[in-house]
Amino acid sequence: MIARPLRCVLACWLAAVGMAWAGPMAAASPSPAAPLAVMPATPAAPVGVALAQKYQRGVDLRAYWVSEKYDGVRALWDGQQLRSRQGLPIRAPAWFTQGWPATPLDGELWAGRGQFAQVQSIISQGQADDGQWRTLRYMVFDLPAHGGSFDQRLPALQTQIAHLQQAWVQAVPQWRVASHEALMAQLRAHERAGAEGLMLRRGDAPHRSGRSGDLLKVKPFDDAEAVVNAHLPGQGKYAGMTGALLVTLPDGRSLRLGSGLSEAQRRQPPPIGSVITYRYNGSHGSTGLPRFARFWRLRAEQPPVSSQNSQIPASDAGKQLSNQE
């Protein structure tokens, strides 16, 4: 059982969470760099955060636009500053957002395929490093405050981004597919090129906050987030290190993640109370627990959950709900 304080904190976290470039960007930006903008220290309400559901075969793909799923960090421009999906301020150099519109933008801070850790490291710093921020692009995919359908928002978005004339701000390319087979062929091609997956946006739908069928993600694997609750001691070659992470799922149950951790992560595991992402392949029919769950990465931009560091004795590890596959 999870203690009542942890359940309460987890519930707050859940309410907040709700969802082909291979090298650094060499585009020029204003020089000299302007000083850092002053950011408030307290979270603000997210700006119309739309979250994706999982794609299932049978969807009428003719109704959707397709784009790449960027392996970066979600960032929302609220008209004054960049904020994370949870409403926390993102400290960008003033030049990065200079001249941006007073209306909201929704996009992804991105450094290229496979560079998620680099993006996360840059935005999690207490002070924005000007040189590092010059390696980032802001890939914009929606106008949350626009009242029209996505078919109408897309040309408005493209016009607005073109008007900025900033190389580090780009409208995400969107295209159409006619069939599931064509979509899967594109998914395989993007996966081979190092992309994380694809996104589908329904053309006739207005912008809606929360999860809906208007926004779908197409990926070769499932992923989800959980809170680290304990470090389970390792045995054998992992003696003296972390053998597995005990994490708390959104429904309050526990799951043991024993695979996916590097040796360095076993020596210095994600902190207790931190939010991690794990990959899995479907769910068990009897329990609903994820199958073949494995650690993927730490969500450093997520606010940590307050918790006491706990180490569970090896003798008690077997008593926890676990994933043995």
C-alpha atoms as a PDB file:
ATOM      1  CA  MET A   1       0.000   0.000   0.000  1.00  0.00           C
ATOM      2  CA  ILE A   2       1.192   3.517  -0.757  1.00  0.00           C
ATOM      3  CA  ALA A   3       1.145   5.957   2.146  1.00  0.00           C
ATOM      4  CA  ARG A   4      -1.590   8.603   1.959  1.00  0.00           C
ATOM      5  CA  PRO A   5       0.889  11.520   1.496  1.00  0.00           C
ATOM      6  CA  LEU A   6       2.524   9.778  -1.479  1.00  0.00           C
ATOM      7  CA  ARG A   7      -0.894   9.016  -2.997  1.00  0.00           C
ATOM      8  CA  CYS A   8      -1.874  12.666  -2.678  1.00  0.00           C
ATOM      9  CA  VAL A   9       1.354  13.893  -4.240  1.00  0.00           C
ATOM     10  CA  LEU A  10       1.067  11.318  -7.001  1.00  0.00           C
ATOM     11  CA  ALA A  11      -2.491  12.448  -7.721  1.00  0.00           C
ATOM     12  CA  CYS A  12      -1.267  16.016  -8.105  1.00  0.00           C
ATOM     13  CA  TRP A  13       1.493  14.867 -10.397  1.00  0.00           C
ATOM     14  CA  LEU A  14      -0.964  12.894 -12.542  1.00  0.00           C
ATOM     15  CA  ALA A  15      -3.241  15.889 -12.855  1.00  0.00           C
ATOM     16  CA  ALA A  16      -0.315  17.926 -14.178  1.00  0.00           C
ATOM     17  CA  VAL A  17       1.066  15.300 -16.526  1.00  0.00           C
ATOM     18  CA  GLY A  18      -2.341  14.242 -18.050  1.00  0.00           C
ATOM     19  CA  MET A  19       1.297  13.409 -22.871  1.00  0.00           C
ATOM     20  CA  ALA A  20      15.491  14.246 -39.206  1.00  0.00           C
ATOM     21  CA  TRP A  21      17.951  16.356 -37.878  1.00  0.00           C
ATOM     22  CA  ALA A  22      21.041  14.468 -36.724  1.00  0.00           C
ATOM     23  CA  GLY A  23      23.368  17.196 -35.523  1.00  0.00           C
ATOM     24  CA  PRO A  24      23.433  20.505 -33.646  1.00  0.00           C
ATOM     25  CA  MET A  25      21.857  23.528 -35.295  1.00  0.00           C
ATOM     26  CA  ALA A  26      24.335  25.906 -36.847  1.00  0.00           C
ATOM     27  CA  ALA A  27      21.846  28.686 -37.640  1.00  0.00           C
ATOM     28  CA  ALA A  28      22.807  32.179 -36.587  1.00  0.00           C
ATOM     29  CA  SER A  29      20.997  34.049 -33.825  1.00  0.00           C
ATOM     30  CA  PRO A  30      21.153  37.601 -32.454  1.00  0.00           C
ATOM     31  CA  SER A  31      24.560  38.643 -31.114  1.00  0.00           C
ATOM     32  CA  PRO A  32      25.568  39.608 -28.574  1.00  0.00           C
ATOM     33  CA  ALA A  33      23.196  37.496 -26.501  1.00  0.00           C
ATOM     34  CA  ALA A  34      20.648  39.392 -24.458  1.00  0.00           C
ATOM     35  CA  PRO A  35      20.519  38.785 -20.696  1.00  0.00           C
ATOM     36  CA  LEU A  36      18.296  36.084 -19.314  1.00  0.00           C
ATOM     37  CA  ALA A  37      14.635  36.910 -18.906  1.00  0.00           C
ATOM     38  CA  VAL A  38      13.402  36.859 -15.321  1.00  0.00           C
ATOM     39  CA  MET A  39      11.132  33.891 -14.720  1.00  0.00           C
ATOM     40  CA  PRO A  40       8.714  33.452 -11.812  1.00  0.00           C
ATOM     41  CA  ALA A  41       9.546  30.603  -9.468  1.00  0.00           C
ATOM     42  CA  THR A  42       6.033  29.224  -9.116  1.00  0.00           C
ATOM     43  CA  PRO A  43       4.180  26.983 -11.598  1.00  0.00           C
ATOM     44  CA  ALA A  44       1.382  28.405 -13.718  1.00  0.00           C
ATOM     45  CA  ALA A  45      -1.549  26.661 -15.343  1.00  0.00           C
ATOM     46  CA  PRO A  46      -0.504  25.005 -18.626  1.00  0.00           C
ATOM     47  CA  VAL A  47      -1.752  26.627 -21.834  1.00  0.00           C
ATOM     48  CA  GLY A  48      -4.332  24.269 -23.332  1.00  0.00           C
ATOM     49  CA  VAL A  49      -2.212  21.110 -23.213  1.00  0.00           C
ATOM     50  CA  ALA A  50      -3.421  18.551 -25.752  1.00  0.00           C
ATOM     51  CA  LEU A  51      -2.261  14.989 -25.030  1.00  0.00           C
ATOM     52  CA  ALA A  52      -2.150  12.011 -27.358  1.00  0.00           C
ATOM     53  CA  GLN A  53      -3.891   8.665 -27.292  1.00  0.00           C
ATOM     54  CA  LYS A  54      -2.370   5.544 -28.798  1.00  0.00           C
ATOM     55  CA  TYR A  55      -3.090   4.874 -32.472  1.00  0.00           C
ATOM     56  CA  GLN A  56      -5.160   1.780 -33.237  1.00  0.00           C
ATOM     57  CA  ARG A  57      -5.705   0.269 -36.649  1.00  0.00           C
ATOM     58  CA  GLY A  58      -9.122   1.121 -38.061  1.00  0.00           C
ATOM     59  CA  VAL A  59      -8.823   4.889 -37.689  1.00  0.00           C
ATOM     60  CA  ASP A  60      -9.898   6.771 -40.807  1.00  0.00           C
ATOM     61  CA  LEU A  61      -6.470   8.116 -41.725  1.00  0.00           C
ATOM     62  CA  ARG A  62      -7.890  10.344 -44.437  1.00  0.00           C
ATOM     63  CA  ALA A  63      -9.107  12.649 -41.666  1.00  0.00           C
ATOM     64  CA  TYR A  64      -5.629  13.133 -40.161  1.00  0.00           C
ATOM     65  CA  TRP A  65      -2.420  15.034 -40.774  1.00  0.00           C
ATOM     66  CA  VAL A  66       0.836  13.141 -40.106  1.00  0.00           C
ATOM     67  CA  SER A  67       4.087  14.506 -38.661  1.00  0.00           C
ATOM     68  CA  GLU A  68       7.232  13.204 -37.014  1.00  0.00           C
ATOM     69  CA  LYS A  69       7.163  12.632 -33.255  1.00  0.00           C
ATOM     70  CA  TYR A  70      10.132  14.631 -32.035  1.00  0.00           C
ATOM     71  CA  ASP A  71      12.327  13.213 -29.298  1.00  0.00           C
ATOM     72  CA  GLY A  72      12.586  16.443 -27.334  1.00  0.00           C
ATOM     73  CA  VAL A  73      10.911  18.282 -24.479  1.00  0.00           C
ATOM     74  CA  ARG A  74       7.387  19.670 -24.790  1.00  0.00           C
ATOM     75  CA  ALA A  75       7.347  23.442 -24.422  1.00  0.00           C
ATOM     76  CA  LEU A  76       4.393  25.836 -24.537  1.00  0.00           C
ATOM     77  CA  TRP A  77       4.738  29.553 -25.247  1.00  0.00           C
ATOM     78  CA  ASP A  78       1.999  31.300 -23.254  1.00  0.00           C
ATOM     79  CA  GLY A  79       2.462  34.643 -25.004  1.00  0.00           C
ATOM     80  CA  GLN A  80       5.102  35.828 -22.525  1.00  0.00           C
ATOM     81  CA  GLN A  81       7.414  32.926 -21.711  1.00  0.00           C
ATOM     82  CA  LEU A  82       8.100  29.257 -22.342  1.00  0.00           C
ATOM     83  CA  ARG A  83       6.608  26.759 -19.939  1.00  0.00           C
ATOM     84  CA  SER A  84       6.797  23.010 -19.534  1.00  0.00           C
ATOM     85  CA  ARG A  85       3.814  20.720 -19.930  1.00  0.00           C
ATOM     86  CA  GLN A  86       3.303  21.051 -16.172  1.00  0.00           C
ATOM     87  CA  GLY A  87       3.263  24.855 -16.310  1.00  0.00           C
ATOM     88  CA  LEU A  88       6.779  25.314 -14.903  1.00  0.00           C
ATOM     89  CA  PRO A  89       8.882  28.124 -16.426  1.00  0.00           C
ATOM     90  CA  ILE A  90      11.642  27.137 -18.855  1.00  0.00           C
ATOM     91  CA  ARG A  91      14.599  29.503 -18.557  1.00  0.00           C
ATOM     92  CA  ALA A  92      15.580  30.391 -22.102  1.00  0.00           C
ATOM     93  CA  PRO A  93      17.919  33.238 -23.100  1.00  0.00           C
ATOM     94  CA  ALA A  94      15.974  36.389 -23.965  1.00  0.00           C
ATOM     95  CA  TRP A  95      17.114  36.280 -27.623  1.00  0.00           C
ATOM     96  CA  PHE A  96      15.559  32.835 -28.073  1.00  0.00           C
ATOM     97  CA  THR A  97      11.986  34.130 -27.629  1.00  0.00           C
ATOM     98  CA  GLN A  98      12.519  37.741 -28.762  1.00  0.00           C
ATOM     99  CA  GLY A  99       9.755  38.877 -31.088  1.00  0.00           C
ATOM    100  CA  TRP A 100       7.506  35.892 -30.469  1.00  0.00           C
ATOM    101  CA  PRO A 101       3.751  36.559 -30.708  1.00  0.00           C
ATOM    102  CA  ALA A 102       1.498  37.405 -27.783  1.00  0.00           C
ATOM    103  CA  THR A 103      -0.631  34.364 -28.670  1.00  0.00           C
ATOM    104  CA  PRO A 104       0.253  30.828 -27.445  1.00  0.00           C
ATOM    105  CA  LEU A 105       2.373  28.336 -29.388  1.00  0.00           C
ATOM    106  CA  ASP A 106       2.682  24.611 -28.719  1.00  0.00           C
ATOM    107  CA  GLY A 107       5.821  22.759 -29.719  1.00  0.00           C
ATOM    108  CA  GLU A 108       8.913  20.760 -28.839  1.00  0.00           C
ATOM    109  CA  LEU A 109      12.411  21.896 -27.904  1.00  0.00           C
ATOM    110  CA  TRP A 110      14.572  19.620 -30.027  1.00  0.00           C
ATOM    111  CA  ALA A 111      18.283  19.096 -30.713  1.00  0.00           C
ATOM    112  CA  GLY A 112      18.006  16.354 -33.335  1.00  0.00           C
ATOM    113  CA  ARG A 113      17.058  12.696 -33.395  1.00  0.00           C
ATOM    114  CA  GLY A 114      18.329  10.727 -30.437  1.00  0.00           C
ATOM    115  CA  GLN A 115      19.352  13.880 -28.522  1.00  0.00           C
ATOM    116  CA  PHE A 116      16.659  13.885 -25.834  1.00  0.00           C
ATOM    117  CA  ALA A 117      19.190  13.761 -22.984  1.00  0.00           C
ATOM    118  CA  GLN A 118      20.980  16.806 -24.382  1.00  0.00           C
ATOM    119  CA  VAL A 119      17.750  18.833 -24.540  1.00  0.00           C
ATOM    120  CA  GLN A 120      16.754  17.765 -21.057  1.00  0.00           C
ATOM    121  CA  SER A 121      20.169  18.705 -19.670  1.00  0.00           C
ATOM    122  CA  ILE A 122      20.050  22.152 -21.273  1.00  0.00           C
ATOM    123  CA  ILE A 123      16.604  23.140 -20.021  1.00  0.00           C
ATOM    124  CA  SER A 124      17.057  21.678 -16.513  1.00  0.00           C
ATOM    125  CA  GLN A 125      19.968  24.003 -15.706  1.00  0.00           C
ATOM    126  CA  GLY A 126      19.351  26.802 -13.253  1.00  0.00           C
ATOM    127  CA  GLN A 127      20.814  29.341 -15.675  1.00  0.00           C
ATOM    128  CA  ALA A 128      20.411  29.180 -19.440  1.00  0.00           C
ATOM    129  CA  ASP A 129      23.694  28.517 -21.243  1.00  0.00           C
ATOM    130  CA  ASP A 130      23.656  30.706 -24.346  1.00  0.00           C
ATOM    131  CA  GLY A 131      25.935  28.434 -26.383  1.00  0.00           C
ATOM    132  CA  GLN A 132      23.919  25.326 -25.587  1.00  0.00           C
ATOM    133  CA  TRP A 133      20.610  26.989 -26.438  1.00  0.00           C
ATOM    134  CA  ARG A 134      21.993  27.743 -29.916  1.00  0.00           C
ATOM    135  CA  THR A 135      21.901  23.979 -30.558  1.00  0.00           C
ATOM    136  CA  LEU A 136      18.115  23.834 -30.005  1.00  0.00           C
ATOM    137  CA  ARG A 137      15.176  24.272 -32.333  1.00  0.00           C
ATOM    138  CA  TYR A 138      11.634  25.063 -31.284  1.00  0.00           C
ATOM    139  CA  MET A 139       9.484  22.816 -33.482  1.00  0.00           C
ATOM    140  CA  VAL A 140       5.976  24.319 -33.426  1.00  0.00           C
ATOM    141  CA  PHE A 141       3.001  22.086 -34.190  1.00  0.00           C
ATOM    142  CA  ASP A 142      -0.089  23.979 -33.009  1.00  0.00           C
ATOM    143  CA  LEU A 143      -1.753  27.268 -32.108  1.00  0.00           C
ATOM    144  CA  PRO A 144      -3.739  26.443 -28.929  1.00  0.00           C
ATOM    145  CA  ALA A 145      -5.699  29.714 -28.810  1.00  0.00           C
ATOM    146  CA  HIS A 146      -6.786  29.637 -32.469  1.00  0.00           C
ATOM    147  CA  GLY A 147     -10.524  28.990 -32.664  1.00  0.00           C
ATOM    148  CA  GLY A 148     -10.518  26.990 -35.873  1.00  0.00           C
ATOM    149  CA  SER A 149      -9.990  23.356 -36.821  1.00  0.00           C
ATOM    150  CA  PHE A 150      -6.479  22.008 -37.343  1.00  0.00           C
ATOM    151  CA  ASP A 151      -7.050  22.365 -41.095  1.00  0.00           C
ATOM    152  CA  GLN A 152      -7.420  26.099 -40.413  1.00  0.00           C
ATOM    153  CA  ARG A 153      -4.776  26.339 -37.670  1.00  0.00           C
ATOM    154  CA  LEU A 154      -2.057  24.774 -39.821  1.00  0.00           C
ATOM    155  CA  PRO A 155      -1.815  27.506 -42.508  1.00  0.00           C
ATOM    156  CA  ALA A 156      -2.127  30.186 -39.801  1.00  0.00           C
ATOM    157  CA  LEU A 157       0.730  28.529 -37.914  1.00  0.00           C
ATOM    158  CA  GLN A 158       2.923  28.298 -41.001  1.00  0.00           C
ATOM    159  CA  THR A 159       2.311  31.973 -41.802  1.00  0.00           C
ATOM    160  CA  GLN A 160       3.081  33.080 -38.239  1.00  0.00           C
ATOM    161  CA  ILE A 161       6.341  31.098 -38.028  1.00  0.00           C
ATOM    162  CA  ALA A 162       7.459  32.294 -41.453  1.00  0.00           C
ATOM    163  CA  HIS A 163       6.826  35.873 -40.330  1.00  0.00           C
ATOM    164  CA  LEU A 164       9.223  35.418 -37.364  1.00  0.00           C
ATOM    165  CA  GLN A 165      12.164  34.730 -39.691  1.00  0.00           C
ATOM    166  CA  GLN A 166      14.065  32.909 -36.944  1.00  0.00           C
ATOM    167  CA  ALA A 167      16.000  29.814 -38.045  1.00  0.00           C
ATOM    168  CA  TRP A 168      15.623  28.155 -34.638  1.00  0.00           C
ATOM    169  CA  VAL A 169      11.797  28.366 -34.770  1.00  0.00           C
ATOM    170  CA  GLN A 170      10.224  26.049 -37.336  1.00  0.00           C
ATOM    171  CA  ALA A 171       6.739  24.868 -38.206  1.00  0.00           C
ATOM    172  CA  VAL A 172       6.568  21.071 -38.006  1.00  0.00           C
ATOM    173  CA  PRO A 173       6.075  19.548 -41.505  1.00  0.00           C
ATOM    174  CA  GLN A 174       2.653  17.912 -41.887  1.00  0.00           C
ATOM    175  CA  TRP A 175       1.468  15.524 -44.610  1.00  0.00           C
ATOM    176  CA  ARG A 176      -1.317  13.043 -45.401  1.00  0.00           C
ATOM    177  CA  VAL A 177      -1.457   9.252 -45.764  1.00  0.00           C
ATOM    178  CA  ALA A 178      -4.235   7.177 -47.280  1.00  0.00           C
ATOM    179  CA  SER A 179      -3.951   3.825 -45.518  1.00  0.00           C
ATOM    180  CA  HIS A 180      -2.676   1.928 -42.491  1.00  0.00           C
ATOM    181  CA  GLU A 181      -0.118   0.168 -44.675  1.00  0.00           C
ATOM    182  CA  ALA A 182       1.265   3.482 -45.906  1.00  0.00           C
ATOM    183  CA  LEU A 183       1.413   4.778 -42.330  1.00  0.00           C
ATOM    184  CA  MET A 184       3.320   1.704 -41.137  1.00  0.00           C
ATOM    185  CA  ALA A 185       5.771   2.016 -44.035  1.00  0.00           C
ATOM    186  CA  GLN A 186       6.453   5.600 -43.039  1.00  0.00           C
ATOM    187  CA  LEU A 187       6.823   4.597 -39.383  1.00  0.00           C
ATOM    188  CA  ARG A 188       9.462   1.998 -40.314  1.00  0.00           C
ATOM    189  CA  ALA A 189      11.325   4.504 -42.485  1.00  0.00           C
ATOM    190  CA  HIS A 190      11.347   7.121 -39.732  1.00  0.00           C
ATOM    191  CA  GLU A 191      12.394   4.550 -37.135  1.00  0.00           C
ATOM    192  CA  ARG A 192      15.346   3.473 -39.306  1.00  0.00           C
ATOM    193  CA  ALA A 193      16.365   7.126 -39.567  1.00  0.00           C
ATOM    194  CA  GLY A 194      16.345   7.477 -35.775  1.00  0.00           C
ATOM    195  CA  ALA A 195      12.967   9.116 -35.205  1.00  0.00           C
ATOM    196  CA  GLU A 196      10.852   8.252 -32.166  1.00  0.00           C
ATOM    197  CA  GLY A 197       7.623   7.760 -34.095  1.00  0.00           C
ATOM    198  CA  LEU A 198       4.792   9.655 -35.797  1.00  0.00           C
ATOM    199  CA  MET A 199       1.905  11.856 -34.675  1.00  0.00           C
ATOM    200  CA  LEU A 200      -1.604  12.139 -36.131  1.00  0.00           C
ATOM    201  CA  ARG A 201      -3.733  15.293 -35.822  1.00  0.00           C
ATOM    202  CA  ARG A 202      -7.352  15.266 -36.882  1.00  0.00           C
ATOM    203  CA  GLY A 203      -7.892  17.966 -39.504  1.00  0.00           C
ATOM    204  CA  ASP A 204     -11.496  18.883 -38.680  1.00  0.00           C
ATOM    205  CA  ALA A 205     -11.028  19.010 -34.897  1.00  0.00           C
ATOM    206  CA  PRO A 206     -10.735  22.145 -32.747  1.00  0.00           C
ATOM    207  CA  HIS A 207      -7.922  22.385 -30.233  1.00  0.00           C
ATOM    208  CA  ARG A 208      -8.870  20.485 -27.085  1.00  0.00           C
ATOM    209  CA  SER A 209      -7.006  20.109 -23.795  1.00  0.00           C
ATOM    210  CA  GLY A 210      -6.432  16.641 -22.369  1.00  0.00           C
ATOM    211  CA  ARG A 211      -6.399  13.291 -24.163  1.00  0.00           C
ATOM    212  CA  SER A 212      -8.654  12.684 -27.137  1.00  0.00           C
ATOM    213  CA  GLY A 213      -8.749  10.925 -30.470  1.00  0.00           C
ATOM    214  CA  ASP A 214      -7.917  14.245 -32.133  1.00  0.00           C
ATOM    215  CA  LEU A 215      -4.235  13.573 -31.371  1.00  0.00           C
ATOM    216  CA  LEU A 216      -2.727  10.106 -31.791  1.00  0.00           C
ATOM    217  CA  LYS A 217       0.814   8.793 -31.368  1.00  0.00           C
ATOM    218  CA  VAL A 218       2.213   6.033 -33.567  1.00  0.00           C
ATOM    219  CA  LYS A 219       5.241   4.296 -32.047  1.00  0.00           C
ATOM    220  CA  PRO A 220       6.930   0.885 -32.339  1.00  0.00           C
ATOM    221  CA  PHE A 221       6.588   0.442 -28.558  1.00  0.00           C
ATOM    222  CA  ASP A 222       4.448   1.692 -25.667  1.00  0.00           C
ATOM    223  CA  ASP A 223       5.773   4.016 -22.985  1.00  0.00           C
ATOM    224  CA  ALA A 224       4.444   5.501 -19.770  1.00  0.00           C
ATOM    225  CA  GLU A 225       5.625   7.444 -16.756  1.00  0.00           C
ATOM    226  CA  ALA A 226       5.952   6.403 -13.110  1.00  0.00           C
ATOM    227  CA  VAL A 227       7.374   7.705  -9.832  1.00  0.00           C
ATOM    228  CA  VAL A 228      10.466   6.059  -8.305  1.00  0.00           C
ATOM    229  CA  ASN A 229       9.490   4.720  -4.885  1.00  0.00           C
ATOM    230  CA  ALA A 230      12.550   2.649  -3.885  1.00  0.00           C
ATOM    231  CA  HIS A 231      15.855   1.185  -5.040  1.00  0.00           C
ATOM    232  CA  LEU A 232      15.961  -2.603  -4.781  1.00  0.00           C
ATOM    233  CA  PRO A 233      19.422  -4.027  -3.993  1.00  0.00           C
ATOM    234  CA  GLY A 234      21.217  -5.960  -6.693  1.00  0.00           C
ATOM    235  CA  GLN A 235      22.564  -9.475  -6.472  1.00  0.00           C
ATOM    236  CA  GLY A 236      25.323 -11.376  -8.274  1.00  0.00           C
ATOM    237  CA  LYS A 237      27.125  -9.075 -10.694  1.00  0.00           C
ATOM    238  CA  TYR A 238      24.981  -6.195  -9.468  1.00  0.00           C
ATOM    239  CA  ALA A 239      25.804  -6.706  -5.782  1.00  0.00           C
ATOM    240  CA  GLY A 240      26.380  -3.360  -4.124  1.00  0.00           C
ATOM    241  CA  MET A 241      24.393  -1.598  -6.835  1.00  0.00           C
ATOM    242  CA  THR A 242      20.721  -1.086  -7.625  1.00  0.00           C
ATOM    243  CA  GLY A 243      19.188  -4.269  -8.972  1.00  0.00           C
ATOM    244  CA  ALA A 244      15.827  -2.741  -9.877  1.00  0.00           C
ATOM    245  CA  LEU A 245      13.667   0.317  -9.419  1.00  0.00           C
ATOM    246  CA  LEU A 246      10.385  -0.007  -7.555  1.00  0.00           C
ATOM    247  CA  VAL A 247       8.061   2.523  -9.188  1.00  0.00           C
ATOM    248  CA  THR A 248       4.516   3.696  -8.522  1.00  0.00           C
ATOM    249  CA  LEU A 249       2.083   3.554 -11.441  1.00  0.00           C
ATOM    250  CA  PRO A 250      -0.741   6.076 -11.987  1.00  0.00           C
ATOM    251  CA  ASP A 251      -3.287   3.634 -10.526  1.00  0.00           C
ATOM    252  CA  GLY A 252      -1.274   3.335  -7.286  1.00  0.00           C
ATOM    253  CA  ARG A 253       0.161  -0.110  -7.931  1.00  0.00           C
ATOM    254  CA  SER A 254       3.870  -0.875  -7.818  1.00  0.00           C
ATOM    255  CA  LEU A 255       6.048  -2.228 -10.600  1.00  0.00           C
ATOM    256  CA  ARG A 256       9.641  -3.435 -10.516  1.00  0.00           C
ATOM    257  CA  LEU A 257      11.875  -2.323 -13.378  1.00  0.00           C
ATOM    258  CA  GLY A 258      14.966  -4.504 -13.440  1.00  0.00           C
ATOM    259  CA  SER A 259      16.099  -4.093 -17.033  1.00  0.00           C
ATOM    260  CA  GLY A 260      17.052  -1.086 -19.103  1.00  0.00           C
ATOM    261  CA  LEU A 261      19.362   0.405 -16.458  1.00  0.00           C
ATOM    262  CA  SER A 262      22.979   0.961 -17.448  1.00  0.00           C
ATOM    263  CA  GLU A 263      25.747   0.077 -15.003  1.00  0.00           C
ATOM    264  CA  ALA A 264      26.258   3.790 -14.334  1.00  0.00           C
ATOM    265  CA  GLN A 265      22.535   4.161 -13.540  1.00  0.00           C
ATOM    266  CA  ARG A 266      22.710   1.147 -11.236  1.00  0.00           C
ATOM    267  CA  ARG A 267      25.542   2.829  -9.352  1.00  0.00           C
ATOM    268  CA  GLN A 268      23.696   6.160  -9.275  1.00  0.00           C
ATOM    269  CA  PRO A 269      20.002   5.406  -9.861  1.00  0.00           C
ATOM    270  CA  PRO A 270      17.243   7.969 -10.477  1.00  0.00           C
ATOM    271  CA  PRO A 271      16.418   9.648  -7.142  1.00  0.00           C
ATOM    272  CA  ILE A 272      13.516   8.566  -4.988  1.00  0.00           C
ATOM    273  CA  GLY A 273      10.508  10.679  -5.950  1.00  0.00           C
ATOM    274  CA  SER A 274      11.757  11.393  -9.485  1.00  0.00           C
ATOM    275  CA  VAL A 275       9.611  10.739 -12.541  1.00  0.00           C
ATOM    276  CA  ILE A 276      10.906   8.202 -15.062  1.00  0.00           C
ATOM    277  CA  THR A 277       9.675   6.891 -18.394  1.00  0.00           C
ATOM    278  CA  TYR A 278       9.606   3.157 -19.078  1.00  0.00           C
ATOM    279  CA  ARG A 279       8.916   1.184 -22.237  1.00  0.00           C
ATOM    280  CA  TYR A 280       6.713  -1.878 -22.485  1.00  0.00           C
ATOM    281  CA  ASN A 281       4.926  -4.089 -25.011  1.00  0.00           C
ATOM    282  CA  GLY A 282       1.229  -4.362 -24.278  1.00  0.00           C
ATOM    283  CA  SER A 283      -0.382  -5.412 -21.004  1.00  0.00           C
ATOM    284  CA  HIS A 284      -1.192  -8.636 -19.163  1.00  0.00           C
ATOM    285  CA  GLY A 285      -4.840  -9.523 -19.702  1.00  0.00           C
ATOM    286  CA  SER A 286      -5.383 -10.688 -16.112  1.00  0.00           C
ATOM    287  CA  THR A 287      -3.722  -7.829 -14.226  1.00  0.00           C
ATOM    288  CA  GLY A 288      -3.394  -5.018 -16.750  1.00  0.00           C
ATOM    289  CA  LEU A 289       0.256  -4.613 -15.742  1.00  0.00           C
ATOM    290  CA  PRO A 290       2.672  -3.696 -18.547  1.00  0.00           C
ATOM    291  CA  ARG A 291       4.478  -6.554 -20.285  1.00  0.00           C
ATOM    292  CA  PHE A 292       8.254  -6.558 -20.767  1.00  0.00           C
ATOM    293  CA  ALA A 293       8.565  -3.276 -18.866  1.00  0.00           C
ATOM    294  CA  ARG A 294      12.046  -1.752 -18.875  1.00  0.00           C
ATOM    295  CA  PHE A 295      13.540   1.537 -17.721  1.00  0.00           C
ATOM    296  CA  TRP A 296      13.990   4.079 -20.518  1.00  0.00           C
ATOM    297  CA  ARG A 297      14.977   7.473 -19.142  1.00  0.00           C
ATOM    298  CA  LEU A 298      14.640  10.021 -16.349  1.00  0.00           C
ATOM    299  CA  ARG A 299      12.198  12.873 -16.864  1.00  0.00           C
ATOM    300  CA  ALA A 300      14.407  15.572 -15.363  1.00  0.00           C
ATOM    301  CA  GLU A 301      12.023  18.386 -16.348  1.00  0.00           C
ATOM    302  CA  GLN A 302       9.240  16.839 -14.245  1.00  0.00           C
ATOM    303  CA  PRO A 303       8.789  18.220 -10.715  1.00  0.00           C
ATOM    304  CA  PRO A 304      10.010  15.541  -8.256  1.00  0.00           C
ATOM    305  CA  VAL A 305       7.644  13.914  -5.792  1.00  0.00           C
ATOM    306  CA  SER A 306       8.659  14.481  -2.175  1.00  0.00           C
ATOM    307  CA  SER A 307       9.593  11.199  -0.574  1.00  0.00           C
ATOM    308  CA  GLN A 308      12.065   9.717   1.852  1.00  0.00           C
ATOM    309  CA  ASN A 309      14.838   7.693   0.249  1.00  0.00           C
ATOM    310  CA  SER A 310      14.037   4.062   0.876  1.00  0.00           C
ATOM    311  CA  GLN A 311      16.020   0.904   0.323  1.00  0.00           C
ATOM    312  CA  ILE A 312      14.028  -2.334   0.385  1.00  0.00           C
ATOM    313  CA  PRO A 313      15.869  -5.386   1.717  1.00  0.00           C
ATOM    314  CA  ALA A 314      16.449  -8.166  -0.762  1.00  0.00           C
ATOM    315  CA  SER A 315      14.314 -10.477   1.368  1.00  0.00           C
ATOM    316  CA  ASP A 316      11.311  -8.192   0.832  1.00  0.00           C
ATOM    317  CA  ALA A 317      11.837  -7.521  -2.851  1.00  0.00           C
ATOM    318  CA  GLY A 318       9.847 -10.573  -3.886  1.00  0.00           C
ATOM    319  CA  LYS A 319       6.801  -9.296  -2.028  1.00  0.00           C
ATOM    320  CA  GLN A 320       6.442  -6.361  -4.437  1.00  0.00           C
ATOM    321  CA  LEU A 321       4.426  -6.483  -7.640  1.00  0.00           C
ATOM    322  CA  SER A 322       7.017  -7.141 -10.313  1.00  0.00           C
ATOM    323  CA  ASN A 323       7.441  -7.625 -14.014  1.00  0.00           C
ATOM    324  CA  GLN A 324       9.496 -10.721 -14.696  1.00  0.00           C
ATOM    325  CA  GLU A 325       9.442 -10.555 -18.505  1.00  0.00           C
END
